[in-house]
Each structure stands twice: as C-alpha cells, then as structure tokens.
Amino acid sequence: MFVLSRLDYHLILDQAWVLYLIGIVALVAVLIFGHTRFGAKRWLPLVGELFQVSELVKLIIIIWLARFFAEVRTDELSLRDLIKAGLLVGLPLGLILKQPDLGTALVLMPFWL
C-alpha cells in the first residue's frame, strides 16, 4: 500500500485504455484457456497458480470510469455519456457473465450506476 500511495495516479489514468484492452483480452483468454471448477470457467492458470481475472477487471473498470467521468467537463452528464459508459462496462460484464460469475457481475452494475 505504501508503494501504491507513492505512485502518481496520472500515470495509471493515462494508461486506462491499455488496461481496459488487457482486461478484455484476459477475459476472452479465460473463456478459451480457463480452468473449470464446479461448472464455472473463471480462473486462468499463471505460473502454477490460478488467477481470477474478473477481480482485476473490477479495478480496471474503476480506473477507466474515473478517467472517463473526469474528462466530462460539464455539470450534468448527457445521455450519450451514460450510454458510452454503459457500453464500455457492458462488454466486460457480458464476458464475466459468460464464465458465469454472477457475484462479480453484480458488483460491476453499481460501478456504472
């Protein structure tokens, strides 16, 4: 936490789109190469361990939405802005529901709202 607190958050916000694309690719990789347990394909084997990509994607979506809404320079959001945000949250949401991981998917909805 100390190291993260020393990191300039602008560096992370500048890379929001790259992180978003990495998250989407990782979610697709889970659907293709993922480890199945109890009927759900949610884990990606990395370095001998199982990694749940959807947990990382939650953080990526928070970063992406922070950047997106920070760039909106008006007092009120337009319907177009809300639709854009909804579509960009909807893509990983759909991939997470395909795993199926309802718990993580339900957490993503309030992020957008």
N, C-alpha and C. Protein backbone atom coordinates (compact mmCIF):
# COMPACT_ATOMS: atom_id res chain seq x y z
N MET A 1 0.83 -1.19 0.00
CA MET A 1 0.00 0.00 0.00
C MET A 1 0.87 1.25 0.00
N PHE A 2 2.00 1.21 0.70
CA PHE A 2 2.88 2.37 0.74
C PHE A 2 3.42 2.67 -0.65
N VAL A 3 3.84 1.64 -1.36
CA VAL A 3 4.37 1.84 -2.72
C VAL A 3 3.28 2.41 -3.62
N LEU A 4 2.08 1.87 -3.54
CA LEU A 4 0.98 2.39 -4.35
C LEU A 4 0.64 3.84 -4.00
N SER A 5 0.76 4.20 -2.74
CA SER A 5 0.46 5.58 -2.35
C SER A 5 1.50 6.55 -2.89
N ARG A 6 2.68 6.07 -3.20
CA ARG A 6 3.74 6.91 -3.75
C ARG A 6 3.66 7.02 -5.28
N LEU A 7 2.83 6.22 -5.90
CA LEU A 7 2.70 6.20 -7.36
C LEU A 7 1.81 7.35 -7.81
N ASP A 8 2.24 8.05 -8.84
CA ASP A 8 1.44 9.14 -9.40
C ASP A 8 0.24 8.54 -10.14
N TYR A 9 -0.96 8.86 -9.68
CA TYR A 9 -2.16 8.26 -10.25
C TYR A 9 -2.39 8.71 -11.70
N HIS A 10 -1.78 9.82 -12.11
CA HIS A 10 -1.92 10.26 -13.50
C HIS A 10 -1.31 9.24 -14.46
N LEU A 11 -0.26 8.56 -14.03
CA LEU A 11 0.35 7.53 -14.87
C LEU A 11 -0.63 6.39 -15.12
N ILE A 12 -1.38 6.04 -14.10
CA ILE A 12 -2.36 4.97 -14.23
C ILE A 12 -3.53 5.43 -15.11
N LEU A 13 -4.02 6.64 -14.87
CA LEU A 13 -5.14 7.15 -15.66
C LEU A 13 -4.78 7.30 -17.13
N ASP A 14 -3.52 7.65 -17.41
CA ASP A 14 -3.09 7.77 -18.81
C ASP A 14 -3.11 6.43 -19.53
N GLN A 15 -2.99 5.36 -18.78
CA GLN A 15 -2.97 4.02 -19.37
C GLN A 15 -4.31 3.30 -19.25
N ALA A 16 -5.37 4.02 -18.97
CA ALA A 16 -6.68 3.40 -18.73
C ALA A 16 -7.14 2.56 -19.92
N TRP A 17 -6.99 3.07 -21.14
CA TRP A 17 -7.43 2.31 -22.31
C TRP A 17 -6.60 1.05 -22.52
N VAL A 18 -5.31 1.16 -22.27
CA VAL A 18 -4.44 -0.03 -22.40
C VAL A 18 -4.85 -1.08 -21.38
N LEU A 19 -5.08 -0.64 -20.13
CA LEU A 19 -5.51 -1.57 -19.09
C LEU A 19 -6.85 -2.21 -19.45
N TYR A 20 -7.76 -1.39 -20.00
CA TYR A 20 -9.08 -1.90 -20.39
C TYR A 20 -8.94 -2.99 -21.46
N LEU A 21 -8.11 -2.74 -22.46
CA LEU A 21 -7.91 -3.73 -23.53
C LEU A 21 -7.24 -5.00 -22.99
N ILE A 22 -6.29 -4.84 -22.08
CA ILE A 22 -5.66 -6.01 -21.46
C ILE A 22 -6.71 -6.81 -20.68
N GLY A 23 -7.59 -6.12 -19.97
CA GLY A 23 -8.65 -6.80 -19.23
C GLY A 23 -9.58 -7.58 -20.13
N ILE A 24 -9.97 -6.98 -21.27
CA ILE A 24 -10.86 -7.67 -22.22
C ILE A 24 -10.18 -8.89 -22.79
N VAL A 25 -8.92 -8.74 -23.19
CA VAL A 25 -8.17 -9.88 -23.74
C VAL A 25 -8.04 -10.98 -22.69
N ALA A 26 -7.79 -10.60 -21.44
CA ALA A 26 -7.67 -11.60 -20.37
C ALA A 26 -8.99 -12.32 -20.13
N LEU A 27 -10.11 -11.59 -20.19
CA LEU A 27 -11.42 -12.25 -20.01
C LEU A 27 -11.71 -13.21 -21.16
N VAL A 28 -11.33 -12.85 -22.37
CA VAL A 28 -11.51 -13.77 -23.51
C VAL A 28 -10.60 -14.98 -23.32
N ALA A 29 -9.37 -14.75 -22.83
CA ALA A 29 -8.45 -15.87 -22.59
C ALA A 29 -9.01 -16.83 -21.55
N VAL A 30 -9.71 -16.31 -20.55
CA VAL A 30 -10.33 -17.18 -19.54
C VAL A 30 -11.36 -18.08 -20.21
N LEU A 31 -12.15 -17.52 -21.11
CA LEU A 31 -13.17 -18.33 -21.79
C LEU A 31 -12.54 -19.41 -22.68
N ILE A 32 -11.37 -19.14 -23.22
CA ILE A 32 -10.71 -20.10 -24.12
C ILE A 32 -9.83 -21.08 -23.34
N PHE A 33 -8.97 -20.55 -22.47
CA PHE A 33 -7.96 -21.37 -21.80
C PHE A 33 -8.23 -21.58 -20.31
N GLY A 34 -9.32 -21.07 -19.81
CA GLY A 34 -9.57 -21.05 -18.37
C GLY A 34 -9.73 -22.42 -17.75
N HIS A 35 -9.51 -22.44 -16.45
CA HIS A 35 -9.65 -23.65 -15.63
C HIS A 35 -11.09 -23.72 -15.14
N THR A 36 -11.71 -24.88 -15.33
CA THR A 36 -13.10 -25.06 -14.92
C THR A 36 -13.15 -25.72 -13.55
N ARG A 37 -13.96 -25.12 -12.68
CA ARG A 37 -14.17 -25.69 -11.35
C ARG A 37 -15.62 -25.48 -10.99
N PHE A 38 -16.30 -26.54 -10.59
CA PHE A 38 -17.71 -26.50 -10.21
C PHE A 38 -18.59 -25.93 -11.32
N GLY A 39 -18.25 -26.23 -12.57
CA GLY A 39 -19.05 -25.80 -13.70
C GLY A 39 -18.81 -24.38 -14.17
N ALA A 40 -17.88 -23.67 -13.55
CA ALA A 40 -17.58 -22.29 -13.94
C ALA A 40 -16.14 -22.21 -14.44
N LYS A 41 -15.94 -21.47 -15.50
CA LYS A 41 -14.61 -21.27 -16.06
C LYS A 41 -14.19 -19.84 -15.73
N ARG A 42 -13.61 -19.64 -14.54
CA ARG A 42 -13.29 -18.30 -14.04
C ARG A 42 -11.82 -18.06 -13.83
N TRP A 43 -11.00 -19.07 -13.86
CA TRP A 43 -9.61 -18.95 -13.46
C TRP A 43 -8.68 -19.20 -14.63
N LEU A 44 -7.61 -18.42 -14.67
CA LEU A 44 -6.59 -18.56 -15.69
C LEU A 44 -5.31 -19.07 -15.01
N PRO A 45 -4.79 -20.20 -15.48
CA PRO A 45 -3.56 -20.71 -14.85
C PRO A 45 -2.36 -19.83 -15.22
N LEU A 46 -1.69 -19.28 -14.21
CA LEU A 46 -0.50 -18.46 -14.39
C LEU A 46 0.55 -18.87 -13.38
N VAL A 47 1.71 -19.25 -13.86
CA VAL A 47 2.87 -19.60 -13.04
C VAL A 47 2.49 -20.60 -11.94
N GLY A 48 1.76 -21.61 -12.32
CA GLY A 48 1.40 -22.67 -11.39
C GLY A 48 0.26 -22.33 -10.44
N GLU A 49 -0.28 -21.16 -10.52
CA GLU A 49 -1.40 -20.74 -9.68
C GLU A 49 -2.60 -20.41 -10.55
N LEU A 50 -3.77 -20.39 -9.95
CA LEU A 50 -4.98 -19.99 -10.66
C LEU A 50 -5.29 -18.53 -10.33
N PHE A 51 -5.49 -17.72 -11.36
CA PHE A 51 -5.71 -16.29 -11.22
C PHE A 51 -7.11 -15.95 -11.70
N GLN A 52 -7.90 -15.28 -10.88
CA GLN A 52 -9.25 -14.90 -11.27
C GLN A 52 -9.20 -13.51 -11.90
N VAL A 53 -9.28 -13.47 -13.21
CA VAL A 53 -9.12 -12.24 -13.98
C VAL A 53 -10.23 -11.24 -13.68
N SER A 54 -11.42 -11.71 -13.41
CA SER A 54 -12.54 -10.79 -13.19
C SER A 54 -12.30 -9.87 -12.00
N GLU A 55 -11.52 -10.30 -11.02
CA GLU A 55 -11.21 -9.44 -9.87
C GLU A 55 -10.31 -8.29 -10.31
N LEU A 56 -9.37 -8.55 -11.17
CA LEU A 56 -8.52 -7.49 -11.71
C LEU A 56 -9.31 -6.55 -12.60
N VAL A 57 -10.24 -7.10 -13.35
CA VAL A 57 -11.06 -6.29 -14.25
C VAL A 57 -11.93 -5.31 -13.45
N LYS A 58 -12.35 -5.68 -12.26
CA LYS A 58 -13.11 -4.74 -11.42
C LYS A 58 -12.28 -3.47 -11.17
N LEU A 59 -11.01 -3.65 -10.84
CA LEU A 59 -10.15 -2.49 -10.60
C LEU A 59 -9.91 -1.70 -11.88
N ILE A 60 -9.75 -2.40 -12.99
CA ILE A 60 -9.53 -1.72 -14.27
C ILE A 60 -10.75 -0.89 -14.64
N ILE A 61 -11.94 -1.39 -14.41
CA ILE A 61 -13.15 -0.64 -14.74
C ILE A 61 -13.28 0.59 -13.85
N ILE A 62 -12.89 0.48 -12.59
CA ILE A 62 -12.91 1.65 -11.71
C ILE A 62 -11.96 2.72 -12.25
N ILE A 63 -10.77 2.32 -12.66
CA ILE A 63 -9.80 3.26 -13.22
C ILE A 63 -10.34 3.87 -14.50
N TRP A 64 -10.90 3.04 -15.36
CA TRP A 64 -11.41 3.55 -16.63
C TRP A 64 -12.57 4.52 -16.42
N LEU A 65 -13.51 4.18 -15.55
CA LEU A 65 -14.64 5.08 -15.29
C LEU A 65 -14.19 6.38 -14.64
N ALA A 66 -13.18 6.31 -13.77
CA ALA A 66 -12.65 7.54 -13.16
C ALA A 66 -12.11 8.47 -14.23
N ARG A 67 -11.37 7.91 -15.17
CA ARG A 67 -10.84 8.74 -16.25
C ARG A 67 -11.97 9.27 -17.14
N PHE A 68 -12.88 8.40 -17.50
CA PHE A 68 -13.98 8.80 -18.39
C PHE A 68 -14.79 9.95 -17.78
N PHE A 69 -15.22 9.79 -16.54
CA PHE A 69 -16.06 10.81 -15.92
C PHE A 69 -15.26 12.07 -15.57
N ALA A 70 -13.94 11.95 -15.36
CA ALA A 70 -13.12 13.13 -15.12
C ALA A 70 -12.99 13.98 -16.39
N GLU A 71 -13.06 13.33 -17.55
CA GLU A 71 -12.95 14.05 -18.81
C GLU A 71 -14.23 14.77 -19.20
N VAL A 72 -15.35 14.39 -18.59
CA VAL A 72 -16.61 15.08 -18.85
C VAL A 72 -16.55 16.39 -18.07
N ARG A 73 -16.54 17.50 -18.79
CA ARG A 73 -16.32 18.80 -18.16
C ARG A 73 -17.60 19.62 -17.95
N THR A 74 -18.72 18.95 -17.86
CA THR A 74 -19.97 19.66 -17.64
C THR A 74 -20.53 19.30 -16.27
N ASP A 75 -21.48 20.09 -15.83
CA ASP A 75 -22.10 19.83 -14.53
C ASP A 75 -23.05 18.63 -14.57
N GLU A 76 -23.62 18.37 -15.74
CA GLU A 76 -24.56 17.26 -15.90
C GLU A 76 -24.07 16.32 -16.98
N LEU A 77 -24.28 15.04 -16.76
CA LEU A 77 -23.93 14.05 -17.76
C LEU A 77 -25.03 13.95 -18.79
N SER A 78 -24.63 13.82 -20.04
CA SER A 78 -25.63 13.65 -21.09
C SER A 78 -25.99 12.17 -21.19
N LEU A 79 -27.09 11.90 -21.85
CA LEU A 79 -27.49 10.52 -22.09
C LEU A 79 -26.43 9.80 -22.90
N ARG A 80 -25.82 10.51 -23.82
CA ARG A 80 -24.76 9.92 -24.66
C ARG A 80 -23.57 9.46 -23.81
N ASP A 81 -23.18 10.28 -22.82
CA ASP A 81 -22.08 9.90 -21.92
C ASP A 81 -22.43 8.65 -21.12
N LEU A 82 -23.64 8.58 -20.63
CA LEU A 82 -24.07 7.40 -19.86
C LEU A 82 -24.13 6.15 -20.72
N ILE A 83 -24.54 6.31 -21.97
CA ILE A 83 -24.58 5.16 -22.89
C ILE A 83 -23.17 4.68 -23.20
N LYS A 84 -22.23 5.61 -23.43
CA LYS A 84 -20.84 5.22 -23.67
C LYS A 84 -20.28 4.44 -22.48
N ALA A 85 -20.51 4.98 -21.29
CA ALA A 85 -20.01 4.30 -20.08
C ALA A 85 -20.68 2.93 -19.94
N GLY A 86 -21.97 2.87 -20.22
CA GLY A 86 -22.68 1.60 -20.12
C GLY A 86 -22.17 0.56 -21.09
N LEU A 87 -21.85 0.98 -22.31
CA LEU A 87 -21.33 0.04 -23.30
C LEU A 87 -19.94 -0.47 -22.90
N LEU A 88 -19.12 0.43 -22.38
CA LEU A 88 -17.78 0.00 -22.02
C LEU A 88 -17.73 -0.80 -20.73
N VAL A 89 -18.72 -0.65 -19.88
CA VAL A 89 -18.85 -1.54 -18.72
C VAL A 89 -19.56 -2.83 -19.15
N GLY A 90 -20.45 -2.71 -20.11
CA GLY A 90 -21.24 -3.85 -20.57
C GLY A 90 -20.42 -4.95 -21.23
N LEU A 91 -19.37 -4.57 -21.96
CA LEU A 91 -18.55 -5.59 -22.63
C LEU A 91 -17.88 -6.53 -21.63
N PRO A 92 -17.11 -6.03 -20.65
CA PRO A 92 -16.55 -6.96 -19.67
C PRO A 92 -17.63 -7.64 -18.83
N LEU A 93 -18.72 -6.93 -18.58
CA LEU A 93 -19.83 -7.52 -17.83
C LEU A 93 -20.37 -8.75 -18.55
N GLY A 94 -20.56 -8.65 -19.85
CA GLY A 94 -21.05 -9.78 -20.64
C GLY A 94 -20.06 -10.95 -20.62
N LEU A 95 -18.76 -10.63 -20.72
CA LEU A 95 -17.76 -11.70 -20.68
C LEU A 95 -17.69 -12.36 -19.32
N ILE A 96 -17.90 -11.59 -18.27
CA ILE A 96 -17.90 -12.16 -16.92
C ILE A 96 -19.14 -13.02 -16.70
N LEU A 97 -20.28 -12.59 -17.22
CA LEU A 97 -21.49 -13.41 -17.11
C LEU A 97 -21.37 -14.71 -17.90
N LYS A 98 -20.57 -14.71 -18.95
CA LYS A 98 -20.37 -15.91 -19.78
C LYS A 98 -19.59 -16.98 -19.01
N GLN A 99 -18.84 -16.61 -17.97
CA GLN A 99 -18.00 -17.57 -17.25
C GLN A 99 -18.78 -18.61 -16.47
N PRO A 100 -19.79 -18.58 -15.82
CA PRO A 100 -20.56 -17.49 -15.25
C PRO A 100 -20.02 -17.08 -13.88
N ASP A 101 -20.04 -15.78 -13.61
CA ASP A 101 -19.62 -15.24 -12.33
C ASP A 101 -20.59 -14.12 -11.95
N LEU A 102 -21.74 -14.52 -11.46
CA LEU A 102 -22.81 -13.57 -11.15
C LEU A 102 -22.40 -12.60 -10.05
N GLY A 103 -21.65 -13.05 -9.07
CA GLY A 103 -21.24 -12.19 -7.97
C GLY A 103 -20.44 -10.99 -8.46
N THR A 104 -19.43 -11.22 -9.29
CA THR A 104 -18.63 -10.13 -9.83
C THR A 104 -19.46 -9.27 -10.76
N ALA A 105 -20.32 -9.88 -11.55
CA ALA A 105 -21.17 -9.12 -12.46
C ALA A 105 -22.09 -8.18 -11.69
N LEU A 106 -22.62 -8.64 -10.58
CA LEU A 106 -23.50 -7.78 -9.78
C LEU A 106 -22.74 -6.62 -9.14
N VAL A 107 -21.46 -6.82 -8.88
CA VAL A 107 -20.64 -5.73 -8.33
C VAL A 107 -20.38 -4.66 -9.39
N LEU A 108 -20.29 -5.06 -10.65
CA LEU A 108 -19.99 -4.10 -11.72
C LEU A 108 -21.14 -3.15 -12.00
N MET A 109 -22.36 -3.58 -11.79
CA MET A 109 -23.51 -2.71 -12.09
C MET A 109 -23.51 -1.41 -11.28
N PRO A 110 -23.28 -1.45 -9.97
CA PRO A 110 -23.23 -0.18 -9.24
C PRO A 110 -22.07 0.72 -9.66
N PHE A 111 -20.97 0.14 -10.16
CA PHE A 111 -19.87 0.96 -10.65
C PHE A 111 -20.38 1.90 -11.73
N TRP A 112 -21.16 1.36 -12.64
CA TRP A 112 -21.67 2.16 -13.74
C TRP A 112 -22.74 3.14 -13.25
N LEU A 113 -23.62 2.61 -12.40
CA LEU A 113 -24.69 3.47 -11.90
C LEU A 113 -24.14 4.60 -11.06
